[in-house]
Amino acid sequence: MKAHVYVTLKSTVLDPQGQTIGNALRKNQYHGVTDVRQGKYFVLTLQDSLDAADAAAEVERIARDILTNPVIEEFTYRLED
């Protein structure tokens, strides 16, 4: 089983890298994008012995304790067989 974890800055936190990318898009005539937020992406390979509930609990614990700074970041994830 694999877990795909997406970590982004909270919406209340300024994202200068996202702003720079957004400015570059506008300068290059990509006018369909109104906002850019950058983040991090992780793929975790989990033990096959974990059931879906245990896998979800483990991924949430890893994301909360290791992959994010909970003061400024948030995460989402999805599990795949």
PDB file of N, CA and C in Angstrom:
ATOM      1  N   MET A   1       0.848  -1.167   0.000  1.00  0.00           N
ATOM      2  CA  MET A   1       0.000   0.000   0.000  1.00  0.00           C
ATOM      3  C   MET A   1       0.894   1.231   0.000  1.00  0.00           C
ATOM      4  N   LYS A   2       0.458   2.261  -0.706  1.00  0.00           N
ATOM      5  CA  LYS A   2       1.189   3.523  -0.755  1.00  0.00           C
ATOM      6  C   LYS A   2       0.310   4.637  -0.209  1.00  0.00           C
ATOM      7  N   ALA A   3       0.961   5.585   0.435  1.00  0.00           N
ATOM      8  CA  ALA A   3       0.280   6.786   0.907  1.00  0.00           C
ATOM      9  C   ALA A   3       0.895   7.975   0.180  1.00  0.00           C
ATOM     10  N   HIS A   4       0.051   8.799  -0.389  1.00  0.00           N
ATOM     11  CA  HIS A   4       0.480  10.025  -1.057  1.00  0.00           C
ATOM     12  C   HIS A   4       0.116  11.176  -0.121  1.00  0.00           C
ATOM     13  N   VAL A   5       1.132  11.880   0.375  1.00  0.00           N
ATOM     14  CA  VAL A   5       0.933  12.931   1.373  1.00  0.00           C
ATOM     15  C   VAL A   5       1.289  14.275   0.741  1.00  0.00           C
ATOM     16  N   TYR A   6       0.366  15.222   0.838  1.00  0.00           N
ATOM     17  CA  TYR A   6       0.544  16.563   0.287  1.00  0.00           C
ATOM     18  C   TYR A   6       0.597  17.552   1.449  1.00  0.00           C
ATOM     19  N   VAL A   7       1.683  18.312   1.531  1.00  0.00           N
ATOM     20  CA  VAL A   7       1.872  19.284   2.605  1.00  0.00           C
ATOM     21  C   VAL A   7       1.910  20.670   1.978  1.00  0.00           C
ATOM     22  N   THR A   8       1.075  21.566   2.486  1.00  0.00           N
ATOM     23  CA  THR A   8       1.044  22.944   1.986  1.00  0.00           C
ATOM     24  C   THR A   8       1.018  23.902   3.157  1.00  0.00           C
ATOM     25  N   LEU A   9       1.376  25.136   2.863  1.00  0.00           N
ATOM     26  CA  LEU A   9       1.264  26.173   3.874  1.00  0.00           C
ATOM     27  C   LEU A   9      -0.210  26.443   4.144  1.00  0.00           C
ATOM     28  N   LYS A  10      -0.534  26.761   5.372  1.00  0.00           N
ATOM     29  CA  LYS A  10      -1.909  27.134   5.694  1.00  0.00           C
ATOM     30  C   LYS A  10      -2.284  28.375   4.896  1.00  0.00           C
ATOM     31  N   SER A  11      -3.559  28.531   4.604  1.00  0.00           N
ATOM     32  CA  SER A  11      -3.998  29.659   3.775  1.00  0.00           C
ATOM     33  C   SER A  11      -3.719  31.008   4.434  1.00  0.00           C
ATOM     34  N   THR A  12      -3.549  31.032   5.742  1.00  0.00           N
ATOM     35  CA  THR A  12      -3.270  32.278   6.453  1.00  0.00           C
ATOM     36  C   THR A  12      -1.788  32.649   6.444  1.00  0.00           C
ATOM     37  N   VAL A  13      -0.937  31.766   5.904  1.00  0.00           N
ATOM     38  CA  VAL A  13       0.510  31.992   5.866  1.00  0.00           C
ATOM     39  C   VAL A  13       0.901  32.462   4.470  1.00  0.00           C
ATOM     40  N   LEU A  14       1.686  33.535   4.414  1.00  0.00           N
ATOM     41  CA  LEU A  14       2.160  34.025   3.123  1.00  0.00           C
ATOM     42  C   LEU A  14       3.028  32.967   2.437  1.00  0.00           C
ATOM     43  N   ASP A  15       2.930  32.902   1.118  1.00  0.00           N
ATOM     44  CA  ASP A  15       3.674  31.927   0.327  1.00  0.00           C
ATOM     45  C   ASP A  15       4.478  32.672  -0.743  1.00  0.00           C
ATOM     46  N   PRO A  16       5.660  33.193  -0.392  1.00  0.00           N
ATOM     47  CA  PRO A  16       6.423  33.972  -1.363  1.00  0.00           C
ATOM     48  C   PRO A  16       6.841  33.182  -2.598  1.00  0.00           C
ATOM     49  N   GLN A  17       7.125  31.895  -2.442  1.00  0.00           N
ATOM     50  CA  GLN A  17       7.495  31.094  -3.612  1.00  0.00           C
ATOM     51  C   GLN A  17       6.292  30.935  -4.533  1.00  0.00           C
ATOM     52  N   GLY A  18       5.126  30.695  -3.968  1.00  0.00           N
ATOM     53  CA  GLY A  18       3.908  30.614  -4.771  1.00  0.00           C
ATOM     54  C   GLY A  18       3.615  31.921  -5.475  1.00  0.00           C
ATOM     55  N   GLN A  19       3.835  33.047  -4.793  1.00  0.00           N
ATOM     56  CA  GLN A  19       3.620  34.360  -5.404  1.00  0.00           C
ATOM     57  C   GLN A  19       4.580  34.580  -6.565  1.00  0.00           C
ATOM     58  N   THR A  20       5.828  34.177  -6.398  1.00  0.00           N
ATOM     59  CA  THR A  20       6.814  34.318  -7.471  1.00  0.00           C
ATOM     60  C   THR A  20       6.417  33.495  -8.684  1.00  0.00           C
ATOM     61  N   ILE A  21       5.962  32.289  -8.452  1.00  0.00           N
ATOM     62  CA  ILE A  21       5.515  31.439  -9.557  1.00  0.00           C
ATOM     63  C   ILE A  21       4.299  32.063 -10.232  1.00  0.00           C
ATOM     64  N   GLY A  22       3.351  32.569  -9.443  1.00  0.00           N
ATOM     65  CA  GLY A  22       2.169  33.228 -10.003  1.00  0.00           C
ATOM     66  C   GLY A  22       2.540  34.430 -10.851  1.00  0.00           C
ATOM     67  N   ASN A  23       3.484  35.239 -10.370  1.00  0.00           N
ATOM     68  CA  ASN A  23       3.942  36.394 -11.151  1.00  0.00           C
ATOM     69  C   ASN A  23       4.580  35.955 -12.461  1.00  0.00           C
ATOM     70  N   ALA A  24       5.384  34.903 -12.423  1.00  0.00           N
ATOM     71  CA  ALA A  24       6.020  34.395 -13.643  1.00  0.00           C
ATOM     72  C   ALA A  24       4.972  33.895 -14.634  1.00  0.00           C
ATOM     73  N   LEU A  25       3.933  33.237 -14.136  1.00  0.00           N
ATOM     74  CA  LEU A  25       2.861  32.773 -15.039  1.00  0.00           C
ATOM     75  C   LEU A  25       2.183  33.946 -15.730  1.00  0.00           C
ATOM     76  N   ARG A  26       1.862  34.992 -14.965  1.00  0.00           N
ATOM     77  CA  ARG A  26       1.205  36.164 -15.556  1.00  0.00           C
ATOM     78  C   ARG A  26       2.113  36.846 -16.576  1.00  0.00           C
ATOM     79  N   LYS A  27       3.399  36.963 -16.255  1.00  0.00           N
ATOM     80  CA  LYS A  27       4.348  37.590 -17.185  1.00  0.00           C
ATOM     81  C   LYS A  27       4.488  36.797 -18.473  1.00  0.00           C
ATOM     82  N   ASN A  28       4.253  35.488 -18.386  1.00  0.00           N
ATOM     83  CA  ASN A  28       4.357  34.624 -19.567  1.00  0.00           C
ATOM     84  C   ASN A  28       3.004  34.339 -20.199  1.00  0.00           C
ATOM     85  N   GLN A  29       2.047  35.220 -19.922  1.00  0.00           N
ATOM     86  CA  GLN A  29       0.732  35.185 -20.562  1.00  0.00           C
ATOM     87  C   GLN A  29      -0.149  34.006 -20.173  1.00  0.00           C
ATOM     88  N   TYR A  30       0.049  33.439 -19.000  1.00  0.00           N
ATOM     89  CA  TYR A  30      -0.846  32.410 -18.477  1.00  0.00           C
ATOM     90  C   TYR A  30      -1.841  33.104 -17.548  1.00  0.00           C
ATOM     91  N   HIS A  31      -2.925  33.581 -18.118  1.00  0.00           N
ATOM     92  CA  HIS A  31      -3.860  34.410 -17.372  1.00  0.00           C
ATOM     93  C   HIS A  31      -4.979  33.617 -16.712  1.00  0.00           C
ATOM     94  N   GLY A  32      -5.058  32.337 -16.919  1.00  0.00           N
ATOM     95  CA  GLY A  32      -6.125  31.535 -16.344  1.00  0.00           C
ATOM     96  C   GLY A  32      -5.894  31.142 -14.891  1.00  0.00           C
ATOM     97  N   VAL A  33      -4.707  31.382 -14.363  1.00  0.00           N
ATOM     98  CA  VAL A  33      -4.370  31.003 -12.994  1.00  0.00           C
ATOM     99  C   VAL A  33      -4.500  32.232 -12.101  1.00  0.00           C
ATOM    100  N   THR A  34      -5.304  32.124 -11.041  1.00  0.00           N
ATOM    101  CA  THR A  34      -5.506  33.273 -10.161  1.00  0.00           C
ATOM    102  C   THR A  34      -4.638  33.225  -8.903  1.00  0.00           C
ATOM    103  N   ASP A  35      -4.170  32.031  -8.502  1.00  0.00           N
ATOM    104  CA  ASP A  35      -3.355  31.922  -7.300  1.00  0.00           C
ATOM    105  C   ASP A  35      -2.510  30.659  -7.379  1.00  0.00           C
ATOM    106  N   VAL A  36      -1.333  30.706  -6.777  1.00  0.00           N
ATOM    107  CA  VAL A  36      -0.442  29.542  -6.728  1.00  0.00           C
ATOM    108  C   VAL A  36       0.004  29.362  -5.285  1.00  0.00           C
ATOM    109  N   ARG A  37      -0.110  28.154  -4.789  1.00  0.00           N
ATOM    110  CA  ARG A  37       0.421  27.772  -3.481  1.00  0.00           C
ATOM    111  C   ARG A  37       1.348  26.592  -3.719  1.00  0.00           C
ATOM    112  N   GLN A  38       2.564  26.678  -3.239  1.00  0.00           N
ATOM    113  CA  GLN A  38       3.506  25.579  -3.424  1.00  0.00           C
ATOM    114  C   GLN A  38       3.529  24.724  -2.169  1.00  0.00           C
ATOM    115  N   GLY A  39       4.058  23.516  -2.310  1.00  0.00           N
ATOM    116  CA  GLY A  39       4.105  22.622  -1.166  1.00  0.00           C
ATOM    117  C   GLY A  39       5.072  21.477  -1.382  1.00  0.00           C
ATOM    118  N   LYS A  40       4.894  20.432  -0.584  1.00  0.00           N
ATOM    119  CA  LYS A  40       5.750  19.251  -0.647  1.00  0.00           C
ATOM    120  C   LYS A  40       4.861  18.027  -0.888  1.00  0.00           C
ATOM    121  N   TYR A  41       5.438  17.032  -1.531  1.00  0.00           N
ATOM    122  CA  TYR A  41       4.726  15.798  -1.850  1.00  0.00           C
ATOM    123  C   TYR A  41       5.595  14.623  -1.422  1.00  0.00           C
ATOM    124  N   PHE A  42       5.005  13.684  -0.693  1.00  0.00           N
ATOM    125  CA  PHE A  42       5.718  12.492  -0.222  1.00  0.00           C
ATOM    126  C   PHE A  42       4.946  11.250  -0.639  1.00  0.00           C
ATOM    127  N   VAL A  43       5.669  10.197  -0.998  1.00  0.00           N
ATOM    128  CA  VAL A  43       5.071   8.890  -1.237  1.00  0.00           C
ATOM    129  C   VAL A  43       5.661   7.946  -0.198  1.00  0.00           C
ATOM    130  N   LEU A  44       4.793   7.390   0.632  1.00  0.00           N
ATOM    131  CA  LEU A  44       5.221   6.454   1.667  1.00  0.00           C
ATOM    132  C   LEU A  44       4.768   5.057   1.269  1.00  0.00           C
ATOM    133  N   THR A  45       5.662   4.100   1.266  1.00  0.00           N
ATOM    134  CA  THR A  45       5.309   2.709   1.023  1.00  0.00           C
ATOM    135  C   THR A  45       5.089   2.052   2.380  1.00  0.00           C
ATOM    136  N   LEU A  46       3.895   1.540   2.575  1.00  0.00           N
ATOM    137  CA  LEU A  46       3.499   0.982   3.865  1.00  0.00           C
ATOM    138  C   LEU A  46       3.536  -0.542   3.824  1.00  0.00           C
ATOM    139  N   GLN A  47       3.664  -1.150   4.985  1.00  0.00           N
ATOM    140  CA  GLN A  47       3.657  -2.611   5.082  1.00  0.00           C
ATOM    141  C   GLN A  47       2.319  -3.155   4.599  1.00  0.00           C
ATOM    142  N   ASP A  48       2.382  -4.254   3.879  1.00  0.00           N
ATOM    143  CA  ASP A  48       1.161  -4.885   3.368  1.00  0.00           C
ATOM    144  C   ASP A  48       0.257  -5.400   4.482  1.00  0.00           C
ATOM    145  N   SER A  49       0.829  -5.619   5.654  1.00  0.00           N
ATOM    146  CA  SER A  49       0.040  -6.179   6.753  1.00  0.00           C
ATOM    147  C   SER A  49      -0.918  -5.162   7.384  1.00  0.00           C
ATOM    148  N   LEU A  50      -0.758  -3.888   7.079  1.00  0.00           N
ATOM    149  CA  LEU A  50      -1.641  -2.864   7.650  1.00  0.00           C
ATOM    150  C   LEU A  50      -2.994  -2.858   6.945  1.00  0.00           C
ATOM    151  N   ASP A  51      -4.074  -2.817   7.714  1.00  0.00           N
ATOM    152  CA  ASP A  51      -5.379  -2.627   7.079  1.00  0.00           C
ATOM    153  C   ASP A  51      -5.579  -1.130   6.868  1.00  0.00           C
ATOM    154  N   ALA A  52      -6.646  -0.748   6.189  1.00  0.00           N
ATOM    155  CA  ALA A  52      -6.864   0.649   5.803  1.00  0.00           C
ATOM    156  C   ALA A  52      -6.919   1.577   7.011  1.00  0.00           C
ATOM    157  N   ALA A  53      -7.582   1.169   8.073  1.00  0.00           N
ATOM    158  CA  ALA A  53      -7.711   2.020   9.260  1.00  0.00           C
ATOM    159  C   ALA A  53      -6.356   2.226   9.935  1.00  0.00           C
ATOM    160  N   ASP A  54      -5.583   1.151  10.070  1.00  0.00           N
ATOM    161  CA  ASP A  54      -4.257   1.270  10.678  1.00  0.00           C
ATOM    162  C   ASP A  54      -3.320   2.094   9.801  1.00  0.00           C
ATOM    163  N   ALA A  55      -3.414   1.901   8.494  1.00  0.00           N
ATOM    164  CA  ALA A  55      -2.585   2.669   7.567  1.00  0.00           C
ATOM    165  C   ALA A  55      -2.908   4.155   7.672  1.00  0.00           C
ATOM    166  N   ALA A  56      -4.193   4.488   7.707  1.00  0.00           N
ATOM    167  CA  ALA A  56      -4.599   5.888   7.824  1.00  0.00           C
ATOM    168  C   ALA A  56      -4.083   6.496   9.114  1.00  0.00           C
ATOM    169  N   ALA A  57      -4.200   5.768  10.220  1.00  0.00           N
ATOM    170  CA  ALA A  57      -3.722   6.270  11.503  1.00  0.00           C
ATOM    171  C   ALA A  57      -2.210   6.489  11.478  1.00  0.00           C
ATOM    172  N   GLU A  58      -1.485   5.559  10.880  1.00  0.00           N
ATOM    173  CA  GLU A  58      -0.033   5.669  10.807  1.00  0.00           C
ATOM    174  C   GLU A  58       0.390   6.863   9.949  1.00  0.00           C
ATOM    175  N   VAL A  59      -0.251   7.027   8.795  1.00  0.00           N
ATOM    176  CA  VAL A  59       0.084   8.146   7.902  1.00  0.00           C
ATOM    177  C   VAL A  59      -0.229   9.476   8.577  1.00  0.00           C
ATOM    178  N   GLU A  60      -1.360   9.567   9.235  1.00  0.00           N
ATOM    179  CA  GLU A  60      -1.698  10.812   9.929  1.00  0.00           C
ATOM    180  C   GLU A  60      -0.681  11.133  11.013  1.00  0.00           C
ATOM    181  N   ARG A  61      -0.259  10.130  11.743  1.00  0.00           N
ATOM    182  CA  ARG A  61       0.743  10.338  12.793  1.00  0.00           C
ATOM    183  C   ARG A  61       2.078  10.792  12.204  1.00  0.00           C
ATOM    184  N   ILE A  62       2.509  10.149  11.129  1.00  0.00           N
ATOM    185  CA  ILE A  62       3.769  10.516  10.464  1.00  0.00           C
ATOM    186  C   ILE A  62       3.683  11.944   9.932  1.00  0.00           C
ATOM    187  N   ALA A  63       2.588  12.248   9.254  1.00  0.00           N
ATOM    188  CA  ALA A  63       2.434  13.582   8.671  1.00  0.00           C
ATOM    189  C   ALA A  63       2.409  14.654   9.756  1.00  0.00           C
ATOM    190  N   ARG A  64       1.694  14.398  10.828  1.00  0.00           N
ATOM    191  CA  ARG A  64       1.569  15.377  11.912  1.00  0.00           C
ATOM    192  C   ARG A  64       2.891  15.545  12.673  1.00  0.00           C
ATOM    193  N   ASP A  65       3.582  14.428  12.954  1.00  0.00           N
ATOM    194  CA  ASP A  65       4.776  14.474  13.801  1.00  0.00           C
ATOM    195  C   ASP A  65       6.069  14.776  13.053  1.00  0.00           C
ATOM    196  N   ILE A  66       6.166  14.354  11.789  1.00  0.00           N
ATOM    197  CA  ILE A  66       7.446  14.426  11.082  1.00  0.00           C
ATOM    198  C   ILE A  66       7.413  15.314   9.837  1.00  0.00           C
ATOM    199  N   LEU A  67       6.389  15.172   9.010  1.00  0.00           N
ATOM    200  CA  LEU A  67       6.399  15.811   7.695  1.00  0.00           C
ATOM    201  C   LEU A  67       5.947  17.262   7.684  1.00  0.00           C
ATOM    202  N   THR A  68       5.227  17.696   8.712  1.00  0.00           N
ATOM    203  CA  THR A  68       4.711  19.066   8.708  1.00  0.00           C
ATOM    204  C   THR A  68       5.146  19.841   9.942  1.00  0.00           C
ATOM    205  N   ASN A  69       5.133  21.137   9.781  1.00  0.00           N
ATOM    206  CA  ASN A  69       5.236  22.057  10.912  1.00  0.00           C
ATOM    207  C   ASN A  69       3.802  22.514  11.166  1.00  0.00           C
ATOM    208  N   PRO A  70       3.144  21.995  12.199  1.00  0.00           N
ATOM    209  CA  PRO A  70       1.715  22.254  12.381  1.00  0.00           C
ATOM    210  C   PRO A  70       1.357  23.716  12.630  1.00  0.00           C
ATOM    211  N   VAL A  71       2.339  24.538  12.941  1.00  0.00           N
ATOM    212  CA  VAL A  71       2.066  25.962  13.147  1.00  0.00           C
ATOM    213  C   VAL A  71       1.749  26.641  11.820  1.00  0.00           C
ATOM    214  N   ILE A  72       2.460  26.246  10.747  1.00  0.00           N
ATOM    215  CA  ILE A  72       2.287  26.941   9.464  1.00  0.00           C
ATOM    216  C   ILE A  72       1.837  26.050   8.314  1.00  0.00           C
ATOM    217  N   GLU A  73       1.827  24.717   8.516  1.00  0.00           N
ATOM    218  CA  GLU A  73       1.501  23.808   7.416  1.00  0.00           C
ATOM    219  C   GLU A  73       0.314  22.917   7.763  1.00  0.00           C
ATOM    220  N   GLU A  74      -0.325  22.424   6.707  1.00  0.00           N
ATOM    221  CA  GLU A  74      -1.397  21.440   6.837  1.00  0.00           C
ATOM    222  C   GLU A  74      -1.134  20.337   5.821  1.00  0.00           C
ATOM    223  N   PHE A  75      -1.829  19.221   5.976  1.00  0.00           N
ATOM    224  CA  PHE A  75      -1.597  18.095   5.066  1.00  0.00           C
ATOM    225  C   PHE A  75      -2.892  17.433   4.681  1.00  0.00           C
ATOM    226  N   THR A  76      -2.837  16.793   3.553  1.00  0.00           N
ATOM    227  CA  THR A  76      -3.883  15.861   3.120  1.00  0.00           C
ATOM    228  C   THR A  76      -3.160  14.624   2.612  1.00  0.00           C
ATOM    229  N   TYR A  77      -3.887  13.529   2.496  1.00  0.00           N
ATOM    230  CA  TYR A  77      -3.275  12.311   1.996  1.00  0.00           C
ATOM    231  C   TYR A  77      -4.328  11.429   1.346  1.00  0.00           C
ATOM    232  N   ARG A  78      -3.834  10.489   0.555  1.00  0.00           N
ATOM    233  CA  ARG A  78      -4.706   9.450   0.013  1.00  0.00           C
ATOM    234  C   ARG A  78      -3.933   8.146   0.028  1.00  0.00           C
ATOM    235  N   LEU A  79      -4.668   7.074   0.277  1.00  0.00           N
ATOM    236  CA  LEU A  79      -4.072   5.737   0.289  1.00  0.00           C
ATOM    237  C   LEU A  79      -4.410   5.032  -0.999  1.00  0.00           C
ATOM    238  N   GLU A  80      -3.478   4.239  -1.478  1.00  0.00           N
ATOM    239  CA  GLU A  80      -3.696   3.459  -2.705  1.00  0.00           C
ATOM    240  C   GLU A  80      -3.144   2.068  -2.492  1.00  0.00           C
ATOM    241  N   ASP A  81      -3.867   1.075  -2.989  1.00  0.00           N
ATOM    242  CA  ASP A  81      -3.429  -0.326  -2.853  1.00  0.00           C
ATOM    243  C   ASP A  81      -2.278  -0.638  -3.764  1.00  0.00           C
TER     244      ASP A  81
END
